[in-house]
């Protein structure tokens, strides 16, 4: 299996842990992720992305069957990724199943955009060309031009309606994460919903929902972990159902929502993630319990800005302690305990 991935190292490691052959083009080169609130490095400009792609083509290293595109730092970078996707799609026109595009439209969360408005517009024009789209609740609303919280107010019914609109744009598979609804709607105390769907031959949604408990901790990188896991697990499930030679890897119309490869993959992915995140939270608590509040002099200026306040130092320590332990718990990625189930949604 050869995959092309545009993004950061989290999803790359996850896919490699599950046996994927990965080629990566990084769209940012940062010292650390932005949750630290202090970051140094550069964003990869669109011409450099296309230059790297040209180099791969010149060396005949473009035999990828999956493109996973993640965070892009500008509208022009999204356009560059779109060009790569279209070229790979064109090459596979005589064997449609040989190319599958997973688009993670990383734009924001919890009502806040991380990107400029012009980037949103490019994503809106591009989304219909992908085979699988992985928005969170806020990104789903942004892609469709809905007001913030529109899905949350309408619950599962509203999410199903929104997913149907993405199918109308041509997207075959949709998985919406981090859907926040009230406890009665979620069916689980402090829970989150994940809603997925694969369209039938008429473009109609076949929706399912997975209910998962929410952990009381902020994690950075969960979206990248989910995307990497979904690439491997969806291809695995579609292979078992003999769909890899079909355009968009779409199941027959008589396949029930809970039997879709997307549903089966989502259950495995979410189980893996919950296991890794629980262990990460336990390790975080142990590290923070040892946190030394006393200031120490910098040795060789390796301890950064010594003028930081106590709250700032604690934030940095907490952020580091909450780094997702994917390497330490790779076994949970490969062989998770299946904790959840998909439920059909009419």
C-alpha atoms as a PDB file:
ATOM      1  CA  UNK A   1       0.000   0.000   0.000  1.00  0.00           C
ATOM      2  CA  UNK A   2       1.465   3.359  -1.037  1.00  0.00           C
ATOM      3  CA  UNK A   3      -0.033   6.532   0.388  1.00  0.00           C
ATOM      4  CA  UNK A   4       0.706  10.186  -0.206  1.00  0.00           C
ATOM      5  CA  UNK A   5       0.165  12.426   2.781  1.00  0.00           C
ATOM      6  CA  UNK A   6       0.333  16.211   3.023  1.00  0.00           C
ATOM      7  CA  UNK A   7       0.528  17.394   6.631  1.00  0.00           C
ATOM      8  CA  UNK A   8       2.493  16.678   9.794  1.00  0.00           C
ATOM      9  CA  UNK A   9       4.276  13.759  11.408  1.00  0.00           C
ATOM     10  CA  UNK A  10       1.427  12.529  13.651  1.00  0.00           C
ATOM     11  CA  UNK A  11      -0.640  11.000  10.834  1.00  0.00           C
ATOM     12  CA  UNK A  12       2.516   9.788   9.108  1.00  0.00           C
ATOM     13  CA  UNK A  13       3.562   7.764  12.163  1.00  0.00           C
ATOM     14  CA  UNK A  14       0.050   6.397  12.671  1.00  0.00           C
ATOM     15  CA  UNK A  15      -0.142   5.139   9.088  1.00  0.00           C
ATOM     16  CA  UNK A  16       3.336   3.625   9.278  1.00  0.00           C
ATOM     17  CA  UNK A  17       2.374   1.851  12.515  1.00  0.00           C
ATOM     18  CA  UNK A  18      -0.441   0.177  10.580  1.00  0.00           C
ATOM     19  CA  UNK A  19       1.838  -0.929   7.756  1.00  0.00           C
ATOM     20  CA  UNK A  20       1.307   1.867   5.230  1.00  0.00           C
ATOM     21  CA  UNK A  21       4.067   3.016   2.900  1.00  0.00           C
ATOM     22  CA  UNK A  22       4.039   6.800   3.231  1.00  0.00           C
ATOM     23  CA  UNK A  23       5.460   9.722   1.287  1.00  0.00           C
ATOM     24  CA  UNK A  24       5.056  13.034   3.131  1.00  0.00           C
ATOM     25  CA  UNK A  25       5.106  16.660   2.018  1.00  0.00           C
ATOM     26  CA  UNK A  26       5.042  18.885   5.097  1.00  0.00           C
ATOM     27  CA  UNK A  27       3.133  22.145   4.798  1.00  0.00           C
ATOM     28  CA  UNK A  28       4.697  23.602   7.967  1.00  0.00           C
ATOM     29  CA  UNK A  29       8.066  23.249   9.672  1.00  0.00           C
ATOM     30  CA  UNK A  30       7.406  24.311  13.251  1.00  0.00           C
ATOM     31  CA  UNK A  31       9.422  23.794  16.421  1.00  0.00           C
ATOM     32  CA  UNK A  32       6.283  22.532  18.168  1.00  0.00           C
ATOM     33  CA  UNK A  33       2.522  22.617  17.734  1.00  0.00           C
ATOM     34  CA  UNK A  34       0.624  25.834  18.269  1.00  0.00           C
ATOM     35  CA  UNK A  35      -1.138  24.781  21.495  1.00  0.00           C
ATOM     36  CA  UNK A  36       2.051  25.855  23.301  1.00  0.00           C
ATOM     37  CA  UNK A  37       1.198  29.457  22.265  1.00  0.00           C
ATOM     38  CA  UNK A  38       4.899  29.848  21.426  1.00  0.00           C
ATOM     39  CA  UNK A  39       6.168  28.539  18.126  1.00  0.00           C
ATOM     40  CA  UNK A  40       9.041  29.141  15.724  1.00  0.00           C
ATOM     41  CA  UNK A  41       9.498  27.947  12.184  1.00  0.00           C
ATOM     42  CA  UNK A  42       8.096  28.458   8.728  1.00  0.00           C
ATOM     43  CA  UNK A  43       5.007  27.713   6.662  1.00  0.00           C
ATOM     44  CA  UNK A  44       5.673  25.978   3.374  1.00  0.00           C
ATOM     45  CA  UNK A  45       4.673  28.262   0.457  1.00  0.00           C
ATOM     46  CA  UNK A  46       2.610  26.858  -2.393  1.00  0.00           C
ATOM     47  CA  UNK A  47       5.454  27.085  -4.973  1.00  0.00           C
ATOM     48  CA  UNK A  48       7.633  24.897  -2.743  1.00  0.00           C
ATOM     49  CA  UNK A  49       4.859  22.308  -2.378  1.00  0.00           C
ATOM     50  CA  UNK A  50       4.502  22.173  -6.151  1.00  0.00           C
ATOM     51  CA  UNK A  51       8.273  22.049  -6.575  1.00  0.00           C
ATOM     52  CA  UNK A  52       8.466  18.979  -4.326  1.00  0.00           C
ATOM     53  CA  UNK A  53       5.615  17.418  -6.292  1.00  0.00           C
ATOM     54  CA  UNK A  54       7.429  18.120  -9.563  1.00  0.00           C
ATOM     55  CA  UNK A  55      10.496  16.403  -8.134  1.00  0.00           C
ATOM     56  CA  UNK A  56       8.472  13.318  -7.246  1.00  0.00           C
ATOM     57  CA  UNK A  57       7.042  13.229 -10.770  1.00  0.00           C
ATOM     58  CA  UNK A  58      10.467  13.643 -12.371  1.00  0.00           C
ATOM     59  CA  UNK A  59      11.773  10.686 -10.350  1.00  0.00           C
ATOM     60  CA  UNK A  60       8.676   8.617 -11.227  1.00  0.00           C
ATOM     61  CA  UNK A  61       7.727   8.379  -7.566  1.00  0.00           C
ATOM     62  CA  UNK A  62       4.016   9.077  -7.889  1.00  0.00           C
ATOM     63  CA  UNK A  63       2.527   5.584  -7.703  1.00  0.00           C
ATOM     64  CA  UNK A  64       0.315   6.562  -4.781  1.00  0.00           C
ATOM     65  CA  UNK A  65      -3.190   5.187  -4.411  1.00  0.00           C
ATOM     66  CA  UNK A  66      -4.233   7.352  -1.454  1.00  0.00           C
ATOM     67  CA  UNK A  67      -3.803  11.079  -0.875  1.00  0.00           C
ATOM     68  CA  UNK A  68      -4.397  12.332   2.658  1.00  0.00           C
ATOM     69  CA  UNK A  69      -4.359  16.107   2.769  1.00  0.00           C
ATOM     70  CA  UNK A  70      -4.350  17.818   6.146  1.00  0.00           C
ATOM     71  CA  UNK A  71      -3.533  21.285   7.450  1.00  0.00           C
ATOM     72  CA  UNK A  72      -2.605  23.838   4.793  1.00  0.00           C
ATOM     73  CA  UNK A  73      -1.344  27.255   5.946  1.00  0.00           C
ATOM     74  CA  UNK A  74      -2.821  29.348   3.107  1.00  0.00           C
ATOM     75  CA  UNK A  75      -5.385  29.413   0.332  1.00  0.00           C
ATOM     76  CA  UNK A  76      -2.638  28.982  -2.259  1.00  0.00           C
ATOM     77  CA  UNK A  77      -1.350  25.915  -0.386  1.00  0.00           C
ATOM     78  CA  UNK A  78      -4.842  24.376  -0.514  1.00  0.00           C
ATOM     79  CA  UNK A  79      -4.929  25.128  -4.246  1.00  0.00           C
ATOM     80  CA  UNK A  80      -1.547  23.402  -4.653  1.00  0.00           C
ATOM     81  CA  UNK A  81      -2.848  20.312  -2.872  1.00  0.00           C
ATOM     82  CA  UNK A  82      -5.921  20.433  -5.097  1.00  0.00           C
ATOM     83  CA  UNK A  83      -3.679  20.406  -8.179  1.00  0.00           C
ATOM     84  CA  UNK A  84      -1.868  17.321  -6.874  1.00  0.00           C
ATOM     85  CA  UNK A  85      -5.178  15.588  -6.186  1.00  0.00           C
ATOM     86  CA  UNK A  86      -6.534  16.343  -9.646  1.00  0.00           C
ATOM     87  CA  UNK A  87      -3.400  15.048 -11.349  1.00  0.00           C
ATOM     88  CA  UNK A  88      -3.530  11.809  -9.396  1.00  0.00           C
ATOM     89  CA  UNK A  89      -7.235  11.476 -10.165  1.00  0.00           C
ATOM     90  CA  UNK A  90      -6.615  12.025 -13.885  1.00  0.00           C
ATOM     91  CA  UNK A  91      -3.960   9.334 -13.992  1.00  0.00           C
ATOM     92  CA  UNK A  92      -6.395   6.806 -12.506  1.00  0.00           C
ATOM     93  CA  UNK A  93      -9.267   7.507 -14.926  1.00  0.00           C
ATOM     94  CA  UNK A  94      -8.964   4.042 -16.536  1.00  0.00           C
ATOM     95  CA  UNK A  95      -8.839   2.345 -13.114  1.00  0.00           C
ATOM     96  CA  UNK A  96     -10.964   4.582 -10.833  1.00  0.00           C
ATOM     97  CA  UNK A  97     -10.426   2.523  -7.686  1.00  0.00           C
ATOM     98  CA  UNK A  98      -6.666   3.044  -7.804  1.00  0.00           C
ATOM     99  CA  UNK A  99      -6.896   6.560  -6.382  1.00  0.00           C
ATOM    100  CA  UNK A 100      -8.725   7.658  -3.224  1.00  0.00           C
ATOM    101  CA  UNK A 101      -8.552  11.164  -1.764  1.00  0.00           C
ATOM    102  CA  UNK A 102      -9.051  11.724   1.967  1.00  0.00           C
ATOM    103  CA  UNK A 103      -9.527  15.429   2.701  1.00  0.00           C
ATOM    104  CA  UNK A 104      -9.229  16.695   6.273  1.00  0.00           C
ATOM    105  CA  UNK A 105     -10.361  20.335   5.944  1.00  0.00           C
ATOM    106  CA  UNK A 106      -8.421  21.695   8.921  1.00  0.00           C
ATOM    107  CA  UNK A 107      -9.886  25.176   9.389  1.00  0.00           C
ATOM    108  CA  UNK A 108     -10.863  25.550  13.035  1.00  0.00           C
ATOM    109  CA  UNK A 109     -12.823  24.222  15.989  1.00  0.00           C
ATOM    110  CA  UNK A 110     -15.268  25.313  18.692  1.00  0.00           C
ATOM    111  CA  UNK A 111     -16.420  28.340  16.725  1.00  0.00           C
ATOM    112  CA  UNK A 112     -12.948  29.680  15.905  1.00  0.00           C
ATOM    113  CA  UNK A 113     -11.226  29.749  12.507  1.00  0.00           C
ATOM    114  CA  UNK A 114      -7.514  28.915  12.319  1.00  0.00           C
ATOM    115  CA  UNK A 115      -7.229  30.036   8.698  1.00  0.00           C
ATOM    116  CA  UNK A 116      -8.034  33.103   6.595  1.00  0.00           C
ATOM    117  CA  UNK A 117     -11.454  33.491   4.972  1.00  0.00           C
ATOM    118  CA  UNK A 118      -9.988  33.045   1.477  1.00  0.00           C
ATOM    119  CA  UNK A 119      -8.779  29.586   2.546  1.00  0.00           C
ATOM    120  CA  UNK A 120     -12.352  28.678   3.490  1.00  0.00           C
ATOM    121  CA  UNK A 121     -13.556  29.622   0.014  1.00  0.00           C
ATOM    122  CA  UNK A 122     -10.942  27.413  -1.645  1.00  0.00           C
ATOM    123  CA  UNK A 123     -11.960  24.476   0.540  1.00  0.00           C
ATOM    124  CA  UNK A 124     -15.615  25.009  -0.373  1.00  0.00           C
ATOM    125  CA  UNK A 125     -14.728  24.796  -4.047  1.00  0.00           C
ATOM    126  CA  UNK A 126     -12.496  21.758  -3.558  1.00  0.00           C
ATOM    127  CA  UNK A 127     -14.438  19.574  -1.133  1.00  0.00           C
ATOM    128  CA  UNK A 128     -16.640  17.915  -3.764  1.00  0.00           C
ATOM    129  CA  UNK A 129     -13.588  16.402  -5.472  1.00  0.00           C
ATOM    130  CA  UNK A 130     -12.554  14.318  -2.440  1.00  0.00           C
ATOM    131  CA  UNK A 131     -13.740  10.768  -1.762  1.00  0.00           C
ATOM    132  CA  UNK A 132     -13.759  11.018   2.048  1.00  0.00           C
ATOM    133  CA  UNK A 133     -14.075  14.279   3.984  1.00  0.00           C
ATOM    134  CA  UNK A 134     -13.260  14.440   7.720  1.00  0.00           C
ATOM    135  CA  UNK A 135     -14.612  17.713   9.180  1.00  0.00           C
ATOM    136  CA  UNK A 136     -15.349  18.380  12.801  1.00  0.00           C
ATOM    137  CA  UNK A 137     -18.717  19.940  13.641  1.00  0.00           C
ATOM    138  CA  UNK A 138     -17.493  23.515  13.204  1.00  0.00           C
ATOM    139  CA  UNK A 139     -15.719  22.758   9.914  1.00  0.00           C
ATOM    140  CA  UNK A 140     -18.858  21.071   8.574  1.00  0.00           C
ATOM    141  CA  UNK A 141     -20.826  24.226   9.324  1.00  0.00           C
ATOM    142  CA  UNK A 142     -18.142  26.410   7.728  1.00  0.00           C
ATOM    143  CA  UNK A 143     -17.955  24.287   4.572  1.00  0.00           C
ATOM    144  CA  UNK A 144     -21.721  24.604   4.093  1.00  0.00           C
ATOM    145  CA  UNK A 145     -21.994  28.265   5.088  1.00  0.00           C
ATOM    146  CA  UNK A 146     -24.110  27.478   8.165  1.00  0.00           C
ATOM    147  CA  UNK A 147     -24.106  29.572  11.314  1.00  0.00           C
ATOM    148  CA  UNK A 148     -21.858  28.383  14.128  1.00  0.00           C
ATOM    149  CA  UNK A 149     -23.714  25.895  16.326  1.00  0.00           C
ATOM    150  CA  UNK A 150     -26.318  25.075  13.659  1.00  0.00           C
ATOM    151  CA  UNK A 151     -25.581  21.349  13.863  1.00  0.00           C
ATOM    152  CA  UNK A 152     -25.384  21.285  17.660  1.00  0.00           C
ATOM    153  CA  UNK A 153     -28.786  22.914  18.014  1.00  0.00           C
ATOM    154  CA  UNK A 154     -30.397  20.353  15.711  1.00  0.00           C
ATOM    155  CA  UNK A 155     -28.495  17.327  16.986  1.00  0.00           C
ATOM    156  CA  UNK A 156     -28.154  14.157  14.955  1.00  0.00           C
ATOM    157  CA  UNK A 157     -30.998  15.180  12.656  1.00  0.00           C
ATOM    158  CA  UNK A 158     -29.208  18.407  11.743  1.00  0.00           C
ATOM    159  CA  UNK A 159     -25.916  16.607  11.213  1.00  0.00           C
ATOM    160  CA  UNK A 160     -27.565  14.079   8.888  1.00  0.00           C
ATOM    161  CA  UNK A 161     -29.068  16.927   6.908  1.00  0.00           C
ATOM    162  CA  UNK A 162     -25.677  18.636   6.616  1.00  0.00           C
ATOM    163  CA  UNK A 163     -23.957  15.397   5.604  1.00  0.00           C
ATOM    164  CA  UNK A 164     -26.556  15.008   2.854  1.00  0.00           C
ATOM    165  CA  UNK A 165     -25.531  18.407   1.496  1.00  0.00           C
ATOM    166  CA  UNK A 166     -21.921  17.220   1.207  1.00  0.00           C
ATOM    167  CA  UNK A 167     -23.103  14.137  -0.663  1.00  0.00           C
ATOM    168  CA  UNK A 168     -24.934  16.468  -3.044  1.00  0.00           C
ATOM    169  CA  UNK A 169     -21.578  18.113  -3.794  1.00  0.00           C
ATOM    170  CA  UNK A 170     -20.186  14.730  -4.865  1.00  0.00           C
ATOM    171  CA  UNK A 171     -18.481  13.488  -1.690  1.00  0.00           C
ATOM    172  CA  UNK A 172     -18.946   9.714  -1.368  1.00  0.00           C
ATOM    173  CA  UNK A 173     -17.919   9.307   2.284  1.00  0.00           C
ATOM    174  CA  UNK A 174     -18.233  11.746   5.201  1.00  0.00           C
ATOM    175  CA  UNK A 175     -17.174  11.329   8.834  1.00  0.00           C
ATOM    176  CA  UNK A 176     -18.018  14.236  11.163  1.00  0.00           C
ATOM    177  CA  UNK A 177     -16.204  14.332  14.509  1.00  0.00           C
ATOM    178  CA  UNK A 178     -16.572  16.187  17.822  1.00  0.00           C
ATOM    179  CA  UNK A 179     -20.306  16.784  17.520  1.00  0.00           C
ATOM    180  CA  UNK A 180     -21.427  18.475  20.713  1.00  0.00           C
ATOM    181  CA  UNK A 181     -25.067  18.004  21.657  1.00  0.00           C
ATOM    182  CA  UNK A 182     -26.940  17.915  24.959  1.00  0.00           C
ATOM    183  CA  UNK A 183     -26.803  14.829  27.171  1.00  0.00           C
ATOM    184  CA  UNK A 184     -30.279  13.652  26.178  1.00  0.00           C
ATOM    185  CA  UNK A 185     -29.311  13.745  22.503  1.00  0.00           C
ATOM    186  CA  UNK A 186     -25.893  12.156  22.952  1.00  0.00           C
ATOM    187  CA  UNK A 187     -27.225   9.324  25.110  1.00  0.00           C
ATOM    188  CA  UNK A 188     -24.086   9.412  27.246  1.00  0.00           C
ATOM    189  CA  UNK A 189     -23.043  11.720  30.059  1.00  0.00           C
ATOM    190  CA  UNK A 190     -20.520  14.258  28.794  1.00  0.00           C
ATOM    191  CA  UNK A 191     -20.443  12.436  25.473  1.00  0.00           C
ATOM    192  CA  UNK A 192     -19.562  13.352  21.920  1.00  0.00           C
ATOM    193  CA  UNK A 193     -21.046  12.039  18.713  1.00  0.00           C
ATOM    194  CA  UNK A 194     -19.363  10.958  15.518  1.00  0.00           C
ATOM    195  CA  UNK A 195     -21.660  10.753  12.492  1.00  0.00           C
ATOM    196  CA  UNK A 196     -20.664   9.064   9.249  1.00  0.00           C
ATOM    197  CA  UNK A 197     -22.244   8.235   5.934  1.00  0.00           C
ATOM    198  CA  UNK A 198     -21.499   6.628   2.579  1.00  0.00           C
ATOM    199  CA  UNK A 199     -23.819   7.678  -0.223  1.00  0.00           C
ATOM    200  CA  UNK A 200     -25.691   5.110  -2.288  1.00  0.00           C
ATOM    201  CA  UNK A 201     -25.838   5.043  -6.093  1.00  0.00           C
ATOM    202  CA  UNK A 202     -28.495   7.773  -6.015  1.00  0.00           C
ATOM    203  CA  UNK A 203     -26.400  10.090  -3.859  1.00  0.00           C
ATOM    204  CA  UNK A 204     -28.523   9.493  -0.775  1.00  0.00           C
ATOM    205  CA  UNK A 205     -26.971   9.312   2.685  1.00  0.00           C
ATOM    206  CA  UNK A 206     -26.594   6.076   4.642  1.00  0.00           C
ATOM    207  CA  UNK A 207     -25.880   7.477   8.072  1.00  0.00           C
ATOM    208  CA  UNK A 208     -24.638   5.961  11.295  1.00  0.00           C
ATOM    209  CA  UNK A 209     -23.675   7.418  14.660  1.00  0.00           C
ATOM    210  CA  UNK A 210     -21.039   6.370  17.204  1.00  0.00           C
ATOM    211  CA  UNK A 211     -21.353   7.662  20.775  1.00  0.00           C
ATOM    212  CA  UNK A 212     -18.135   8.121  22.742  1.00  0.00           C
ATOM    213  CA  UNK A 213     -17.402   9.527  26.221  1.00  0.00           C
ATOM    214  CA  UNK A 214     -15.545  12.816  26.351  1.00  0.00           C
ATOM    215  CA  UNK A 215     -12.293  12.843  28.296  1.00  0.00           C
ATOM    216  CA  UNK A 216     -11.641  15.806  30.595  1.00  0.00           C
ATOM    217  CA  UNK A 217      -8.370  16.845  29.004  1.00  0.00           C
ATOM    218  CA  UNK A 218      -7.202  18.982  26.087  1.00  0.00           C
ATOM    219  CA  UNK A 219      -5.261  17.006  23.494  1.00  0.00           C
ATOM    220  CA  UNK A 220      -3.535  18.410  20.438  1.00  0.00           C
ATOM    221  CA  UNK A 221      -3.202  16.261  17.344  1.00  0.00           C
ATOM    222  CA  UNK A 222      -6.278  14.062  17.714  1.00  0.00           C
ATOM    223  CA  UNK A 223      -7.559  15.130  14.305  1.00  0.00           C
ATOM    224  CA  UNK A 224      -4.309  14.040  12.656  1.00  0.00           C
ATOM    225  CA  UNK A 225      -4.388  10.745  14.551  1.00  0.00           C
ATOM    226  CA  UNK A 226      -7.948  10.078  13.410  1.00  0.00           C
ATOM    227  CA  UNK A 227      -7.130  10.933   9.795  1.00  0.00           C
ATOM    228  CA  UNK A 228      -4.105   8.642   9.692  1.00  0.00           C
ATOM    229  CA  UNK A 229      -6.015   5.777  11.276  1.00  0.00           C
ATOM    230  CA  UNK A 230      -8.985   6.232   8.940  1.00  0.00           C
ATOM    231  CA  UNK A 231      -6.777   5.971   5.849  1.00  0.00           C
ATOM    232  CA  UNK A 232      -5.456   2.568   6.899  1.00  0.00           C
ATOM    233  CA  UNK A 233      -8.636   1.165   8.428  1.00  0.00           C
ATOM    234  CA  UNK A 234     -10.979   2.238   5.615  1.00  0.00           C
ATOM    235  CA  UNK A 235      -8.707   0.746   2.972  1.00  0.00           C
ATOM    236  CA  UNK A 236      -8.487  -2.434   5.040  1.00  0.00           C
ATOM    237  CA  UNK A 237     -12.285  -2.740   5.359  1.00  0.00           C
ATOM    238  CA  UNK A 238     -12.900  -1.888   1.690  1.00  0.00           C
ATOM    239  CA  UNK A 239     -10.358  -4.523   0.709  1.00  0.00           C
ATOM    240  CA  UNK A 240     -12.186  -7.147   2.755  1.00  0.00           C
ATOM    241  CA  UNK A 241     -15.453  -6.223   0.999  1.00  0.00           C
ATOM    242  CA  UNK A 242     -13.843  -6.262  -2.465  1.00  0.00           C
ATOM    243  CA  UNK A 243     -14.376  -2.560  -3.176  1.00  0.00           C
ATOM    244  CA  UNK A 244     -10.886  -1.335  -4.043  1.00  0.00           C
ATOM    245  CA  UNK A 245     -11.494  -1.566  -7.791  1.00  0.00           C
ATOM    246  CA  UNK A 246     -14.623   0.618  -7.577  1.00  0.00           C
ATOM    247  CA  UNK A 247     -14.717   4.371  -7.998  1.00  0.00           C
ATOM    248  CA  UNK A 248     -14.836   5.891  -4.543  1.00  0.00           C
ATOM    249  CA  UNK A 249     -14.808   2.450  -2.911  1.00  0.00           C
ATOM    250  CA  UNK A 250     -18.613   2.641  -2.568  1.00  0.00           C
ATOM    251  CA  UNK A 251     -20.656  -0.323  -1.300  1.00  0.00           C
ATOM    252  CA  UNK A 252     -23.777  -1.711  -3.002  1.00  0.00           C
ATOM    253  CA  UNK A 253     -27.042   0.016  -2.130  1.00  0.00           C
ATOM    254  CA  UNK A 254     -28.293  -2.915  -0.043  1.00  0.00           C
ATOM    255  CA  UNK A 255     -25.422  -2.632   2.449  1.00  0.00           C
ATOM    256  CA  UNK A 256     -26.800  -1.360   5.763  1.00  0.00           C
ATOM    257  CA  UNK A 257     -25.274   1.754   7.367  1.00  0.00           C
ATOM    258  CA  UNK A 258     -23.760  -0.245  10.229  1.00  0.00           C
ATOM    259  CA  UNK A 259     -22.159  -2.698   7.771  1.00  0.00           C
ATOM    260  CA  UNK A 260     -20.486  -0.025   5.655  1.00  0.00           C
ATOM    261  CA  UNK A 261     -16.671  -0.164   5.577  1.00  0.00           C
ATOM    262  CA  UNK A 262     -16.703   3.428   6.856  1.00  0.00           C
ATOM    263  CA  UNK A 263     -18.720   2.396   9.941  1.00  0.00           C
ATOM    264  CA  UNK A 264     -16.536  -0.609  10.677  1.00  0.00           C
ATOM    265  CA  UNK A 265     -13.385   1.474  10.227  1.00  0.00           C
ATOM    266  CA  UNK A 266     -14.731   4.264  12.448  1.00  0.00           C
ATOM    267  CA  UNK A 267     -15.428   1.849  15.322  1.00  0.00           C
ATOM    268  CA  UNK A 268     -11.853   0.536  15.203  1.00  0.00           C
ATOM    269  CA  UNK A 269     -10.365   4.017  14.870  1.00  0.00           C
ATOM    270  CA  UNK A 270     -12.355   5.521  17.742  1.00  0.00           C
ATOM    271  CA  UNK A 271     -11.571   2.541  19.974  1.00  0.00           C
ATOM    272  CA  UNK A 272      -7.837   2.935  19.284  1.00  0.00           C
ATOM    273  CA  UNK A 273      -7.976   6.647  19.947  1.00  0.00           C
ATOM    274  CA  UNK A 274      -9.831   6.332  23.220  1.00  0.00           C
ATOM    275  CA  UNK A 275      -7.331   3.755  24.495  1.00  0.00           C
ATOM    276  CA  UNK A 276      -4.360   5.941  23.568  1.00  0.00           C
ATOM    277  CA  UNK A 277      -5.939   9.100  24.980  1.00  0.00           C
ATOM    278  CA  UNK A 278      -6.843   7.449  28.289  1.00  0.00           C
ATOM    279  CA  UNK A 279      -3.225   6.357  28.717  1.00  0.00           C
ATOM    280  CA  UNK A 280      -2.036   9.801  27.683  1.00  0.00           C
ATOM    281  CA  UNK A 281      -4.260  11.426  30.303  1.00  0.00           C
ATOM    282  CA  UNK A 282      -2.955   9.069  33.000  1.00  0.00           C
ATOM    283  CA  UNK A 283       0.656   9.889  32.049  1.00  0.00           C
ATOM    284  CA  UNK A 284      -0.205  13.606  31.975  1.00  0.00           C
ATOM    285  CA  UNK A 285      -1.584  13.515  35.508  1.00  0.00           C
ATOM    286  CA  UNK A 286       1.531  11.716  36.741  1.00  0.00           C
ATOM    287  CA  UNK A 287       3.808  14.296  35.116  1.00  0.00           C
ATOM    288  CA  UNK A 288       1.881  17.286  36.439  1.00  0.00           C
ATOM    289  CA  UNK A 289       1.949  15.813  39.946  1.00  0.00           C
ATOM    290  CA  UNK A 290       5.741  16.152  39.772  1.00  0.00           C
ATOM    291  CA  UNK A 291       5.666  19.670  38.397  1.00  0.00           C
ATOM    292  CA  UNK A 292       8.168  21.807  40.314  1.00  0.00           C
ATOM    293  CA  UNK A 293       6.722  25.253  40.905  1.00  0.00           C
ATOM    294  CA  UNK A 294      10.028  26.713  42.027  1.00  0.00           C
ATOM    295  CA  UNK A 295      11.913  28.762  39.465  1.00  0.00           C
ATOM    296  CA  UNK A 296      15.304  27.468  38.386  1.00  0.00           C
ATOM    297  CA  UNK A 297      18.099  29.428  36.759  1.00  0.00           C
ATOM    298  CA  UNK A 298      18.586  28.818  33.049  1.00  0.00           C
ATOM    299  CA  UNK A 299      21.602  26.693  32.137  1.00  0.00           C
ATOM    300  CA  UNK A 300      23.009  27.744  28.779  1.00  0.00           C
ATOM    301  CA  UNK A 301      19.669  29.461  28.087  1.00  0.00           C
ATOM    302  CA  UNK A 302      18.123  26.063  27.346  1.00  0.00           C
ATOM    303  CA  UNK A 303      15.109  26.707  29.542  1.00  0.00           C
ATOM    304  CA  UNK A 304      13.657  29.432  27.365  1.00  0.00           C
ATOM    305  CA  UNK A 305      12.251  32.731  28.552  1.00  0.00           C
ATOM    306  CA  UNK A 306      12.883  32.998  32.294  1.00  0.00           C
ATOM    307  CA  UNK A 307      10.525  35.972  32.518  1.00  0.00           C
ATOM    308  CA  UNK A 308       7.517  33.668  32.037  1.00  0.00           C
ATOM    309  CA  UNK A 309       4.884  33.844  34.745  1.00  0.00           C
ATOM    310  CA  UNK A 310       4.012  30.844  36.888  1.00  0.00           C
ATOM    311  CA  UNK A 311       0.768  30.386  34.931  1.00  0.00           C
ATOM    312  CA  UNK A 312       2.682  30.440  31.634  1.00  0.00           C
ATOM    313  CA  UNK A 313       5.168  27.860  32.880  1.00  0.00           C
ATOM    314  CA  UNK A 314       2.363  25.630  34.094  1.00  0.00           C
ATOM    315  CA  UNK A 315       0.605  25.944  30.725  1.00  0.00           C
ATOM    316  CA  UNK A 316       3.775  24.890  28.899  1.00  0.00           C
ATOM    317  CA  UNK A 317       4.282  21.983  31.289  1.00  0.00           C
ATOM    318  CA  UNK A 318       0.649  20.882  30.948  1.00  0.00           C
ATOM    319  CA  UNK A 319       0.789  21.102  27.162  1.00  0.00           C
ATOM    320  CA  UNK A 320       3.923  18.978  27.041  1.00  0.00           C
ATOM    321  CA  UNK A 321       2.459  16.468  29.485  1.00  0.00           C
ATOM    322  CA  UNK A 322      -0.640  16.090  27.287  1.00  0.00           C
ATOM    323  CA  UNK A 323       1.317  15.216  24.124  1.00  0.00           C
ATOM    324  CA  UNK A 324      -0.514  12.212  22.700  1.00  0.00           C
ATOM    325  CA  UNK A 325       1.393   8.992  23.444  1.00  0.00           C
ATOM    326  CA  UNK A 326       1.044   7.330  20.043  1.00  0.00           C
ATOM    327  CA  UNK A 327       4.553   5.858  19.922  1.00  0.00           C
ATOM    328  CA  UNK A 328       4.365   4.351  23.403  1.00  0.00           C
ATOM    329  CA  UNK A 329       0.961   2.827  22.659  1.00  0.00           C
ATOM    330  CA  UNK A 330       1.329   1.742  19.034  1.00  0.00           C
ATOM    331  CA  UNK A 331      -0.090  -1.679  19.974  1.00  0.00           C
ATOM    332  CA  UNK A 332      -3.447   0.017  20.657  1.00  0.00           C
ATOM    333  CA  UNK A 333      -3.392   1.407  17.116  1.00  0.00           C
ATOM    334  CA  UNK A 334      -2.765  -1.990  15.590  1.00  0.00           C
ATOM    335  CA  UNK A 335      -5.025  -4.158  17.745  1.00  0.00           C
ATOM    336  CA  UNK A 336      -7.647  -2.145  19.642  1.00  0.00           C
ATOM    337  CA  UNK A 337     -10.286  -3.469  21.986  1.00  0.00           C
ATOM    338  CA  UNK A 338     -13.553  -2.685  20.183  1.00  0.00           C
ATOM    339  CA  UNK A 339     -15.411  -0.536  22.709  1.00  0.00           C
ATOM    340  CA  UNK A 340     -18.124   1.094  20.626  1.00  0.00           C
ATOM    341  CA  UNK A 341     -20.704   0.261  18.013  1.00  0.00           C
ATOM    342  CA  UNK A 342     -22.238   2.072  15.092  1.00  0.00           C
ATOM    343  CA  UNK A 343     -25.978   2.727  15.182  1.00  0.00           C
ATOM    344  CA  UNK A 344     -28.020   3.317  12.059  1.00  0.00           C
ATOM    345  CA  UNK A 345     -29.665   6.722  11.697  1.00  0.00           C
ATOM    346  CA  UNK A 346     -32.731   7.106   9.496  1.00  0.00           C
END
